[in-house]
C-alpha atoms as a PDB file:
ATOM      1  CA  MET A   1     -43.846  -2.960  76.815  1.00  0.00           C
ATOM      2  CA  PRO A   2     -43.750  -6.791  76.987  1.00  0.00           C
ATOM      3  CA  VAL A   3     -40.962  -8.830  75.372  1.00  0.00           C
ATOM      4  CA  SER A   4     -42.097 -11.099  72.374  1.00  0.00           C
ATOM      5  CA  MET A   5     -42.262 -14.829  72.676  1.00  0.00           C
ATOM      6  CA  ARG A   6     -39.531 -14.522  69.631  1.00  0.00           C
ATOM      7  CA  GLN A   7     -36.994 -12.612  71.606  1.00  0.00           C
ATOM      8  CA  GLN A   8     -37.522 -14.491  74.722  1.00  0.00           C
ATOM      9  CA  VAL A   9     -36.967 -17.763  73.283  1.00  0.00           C
ATOM     10  CA  SER A  10     -33.917 -16.273  71.466  1.00  0.00           C
ATOM     11  CA  VAL A  11     -32.659 -15.158  74.879  1.00  0.00           C
ATOM     12  CA  GLY A  12     -33.142 -18.302  76.618  1.00  0.00           C
ATOM     13  CA  ARG A  13     -31.629 -20.371  73.951  1.00  0.00           C
ATOM     14  CA  HIS A  14     -28.294 -17.711  74.153  1.00  0.00           C
ATOM     15  CA  LEU A  15     -28.253 -18.280  77.653  1.00  0.00           C
ATOM     16  CA  PHE A  16     -28.647 -21.970  77.819  1.00  0.00           C
ATOM     17  CA  ALA A  17     -25.804 -22.587  75.248  1.00  0.00           C
ATOM     18  CA  GLN A  18     -23.351 -20.293  77.262  1.00  0.00           C
ATOM     19  CA  ARG A  19     -24.144 -22.287  80.310  1.00  0.00           C
ATOM     20  CA  LEU A  20     -23.554 -25.521  78.454  1.00  0.00           C
ATOM     21  CA  ARG A  21     -19.875 -23.859  77.475  1.00  0.00           C
ATOM     22  CA  ARG A  22     -19.472 -22.872  80.948  1.00  0.00           C
ATOM     23  CA  ARG A  23     -18.684 -19.987  80.260  1.00  0.00           C
ATOM     24  CA  PRO A  24     -18.705 -17.497  83.108  1.00  0.00           C
ATOM     25  CA  ARG A  25     -19.104 -14.405  80.893  1.00  0.00           C
ATOM     26  CA  PHE A  26     -20.922 -13.863  77.820  1.00  0.00           C
ATOM     27  CA  PRO A  27     -22.359 -10.774  75.676  1.00  0.00           C
ATOM     28  CA  LEU A  28     -26.163 -10.629  76.080  1.00  0.00           C
ATOM     29  CA  VAL A  29     -26.943  -7.070  74.664  1.00  0.00           C
ATOM     30  CA  MET A  30     -24.580  -5.269  72.286  1.00  0.00           C
ATOM     31  CA  GLN A  31     -25.178  -1.507  72.282  1.00  0.00           C
ATOM     32  CA  LEU A  32     -24.356  -0.069  68.616  1.00  0.00           C
ATOM     33  CA  GLU A  33     -23.485   3.470  68.120  1.00  0.00           C
ATOM     34  CA  PRO A  34     -23.269   4.249  64.311  1.00  0.00           C
ATOM     35  CA  LEU A  35     -23.606   7.785  64.574  1.00  0.00           C
ATOM     36  CA  PHE A  36     -21.043   9.767  66.720  1.00  0.00           C
ATOM     37  CA  ALA A  37     -23.005  12.970  66.551  1.00  0.00           C
ATOM     38  CA  CYS A  38     -24.902  14.882  69.362  1.00  0.00           C
ATOM     39  CA  ASN A  39     -26.304  18.052  69.990  1.00  0.00           C
ATOM     40  CA  LEU A  40     -26.738  17.600  73.823  1.00  0.00           C
ATOM     41  CA  ALA A  41     -24.145  18.589  76.318  1.00  0.00           C
ATOM     42  CA  CYS A  42     -25.347  16.018  79.234  1.00  0.00           C
ATOM     43  CA  ALA A  43     -23.412  16.327  82.527  1.00  0.00           C
ATOM     44  CA  GLY A  44     -20.339  13.408  82.447  1.00  0.00           C
ATOM     45  CA  CYS A  45     -20.575  12.970  78.704  1.00  0.00           C
ATOM     46  CA  GLY A  46     -17.339  14.025  77.036  1.00  0.00           C
ATOM     47  CA  LYS A  47     -18.710  13.874  73.278  1.00  0.00           C
ATOM     48  CA  VAL A  48     -19.056  17.499  72.902  1.00  0.00           C
ATOM     49  CA  GLN A  49     -15.175  17.871  73.641  1.00  0.00           C
ATOM     50  CA  PHE A  50     -14.384  15.837  70.669  1.00  0.00           C
ATOM     51  CA  PRO A  51     -13.336  17.762  67.342  1.00  0.00           C
ATOM     52  CA  ARG A  52     -15.739  18.466  64.565  1.00  0.00           C
ATOM     53  CA  GLU A  53     -14.369  16.212  62.183  1.00  0.00           C
ATOM     54  CA  MET A  54     -14.799  13.177  64.333  1.00  0.00           C
ATOM     55  CA  MET A  55     -18.279  14.050  65.714  1.00  0.00           C
ATOM     56  CA  SER A  56     -19.665  13.945  62.153  1.00  0.00           C
ATOM     57  CA  GLY A  57     -17.976  10.457  61.746  1.00  0.00           C
ATOM     58  CA  ARG A  58     -20.722   7.633  60.556  1.00  0.00           C
ATOM     59  CA  MET A  59     -20.255   3.856  60.560  1.00  0.00           C
ATOM     60  CA  PRO A  60     -20.502   2.115  57.434  1.00  0.00           C
ATOM     61  CA  VAL A  61     -23.644  -0.470  57.350  1.00  0.00           C
ATOM     62  CA  ALA A  62     -21.182  -3.242  56.527  1.00  0.00           C
ATOM     63  CA  THR A  63     -19.056  -2.396  59.315  1.00  0.00           C
ATOM     64  CA  ALA A  64     -21.961  -2.449  61.675  1.00  0.00           C
ATOM     65  CA  VAL A  65     -23.465  -5.807  60.531  1.00  0.00           C
ATOM     66  CA  ALA A  66     -19.793  -7.362  60.883  1.00  0.00           C
ATOM     67  CA  ALA A  67     -19.890  -6.318  64.546  1.00  0.00           C
ATOM     68  CA  VAL A  68     -23.146  -7.871  65.167  1.00  0.00           C
ATOM     69  CA  LEU A  69     -22.252 -11.127  63.469  1.00  0.00           C
ATOM     70  CA  GLU A  70     -18.866 -11.084  65.724  1.00  0.00           C
ATOM     71  CA  CYS A  71     -20.602 -10.369  69.043  1.00  0.00           C
ATOM     72  CA  GLY A  72     -23.088 -13.104  68.552  1.00  0.00           C
ATOM     73  CA  ALA A  73     -25.344 -11.148  71.347  1.00  0.00           C
ATOM     74  CA  PRO A  74     -29.165 -11.937  70.840  1.00  0.00           C
ATOM     75  CA  ILE A  75     -29.916  -8.166  71.686  1.00  0.00           C
ATOM     76  CA  VAL A  76     -28.598  -5.464  69.743  1.00  0.00           C
ATOM     77  CA  SER A  77     -29.623  -1.967  71.276  1.00  0.00           C
ATOM     78  CA  VAL A  78     -28.688   0.978  68.393  1.00  0.00           C
ATOM     79  CA  ALA A  79     -27.960   3.694  70.461  1.00  0.00           C
ATOM     80  CA  GLY A  80     -26.024   7.042  70.514  1.00  0.00           C
ATOM     81  CA  GLY A  81     -25.988  10.262  68.678  1.00  0.00           C
ATOM     82  CA  GLU A  82     -29.069  11.906  67.585  1.00  0.00           C
ATOM     83  CA  PRO A  83     -31.533  10.634  65.096  1.00  0.00           C
ATOM     84  CA  LEU A  84     -32.429  14.076  64.203  1.00  0.00           C
ATOM     85  CA  LEU A  85     -28.997  15.028  63.430  1.00  0.00           C
ATOM     86  CA  HIS A  86     -28.842  12.352  60.564  1.00  0.00           C
ATOM     87  CA  PRO A  87     -28.489  13.814  57.015  1.00  0.00           C
ATOM     88  CA  ALA A  88     -31.795  11.379  56.206  1.00  0.00           C
END
């Protein structure tokens, strides 16, 4: 899947700005996990060992947006949890 021109420009602008500020480390991709639920038992993952109350937690939209703005990364990946477990 090709990367859109808009996304290429956004990432390029972010990289250029960080280089001008001479920052050795900076966020490029933020991985946001709004659901802490999972029905899988992947090898190496410890999520299935958490208490059921914690596994049913949901991140409020305001908290997610605030985290994205605070991070400042040009790309946000919404990952984690199982979308089919969401109560719709």
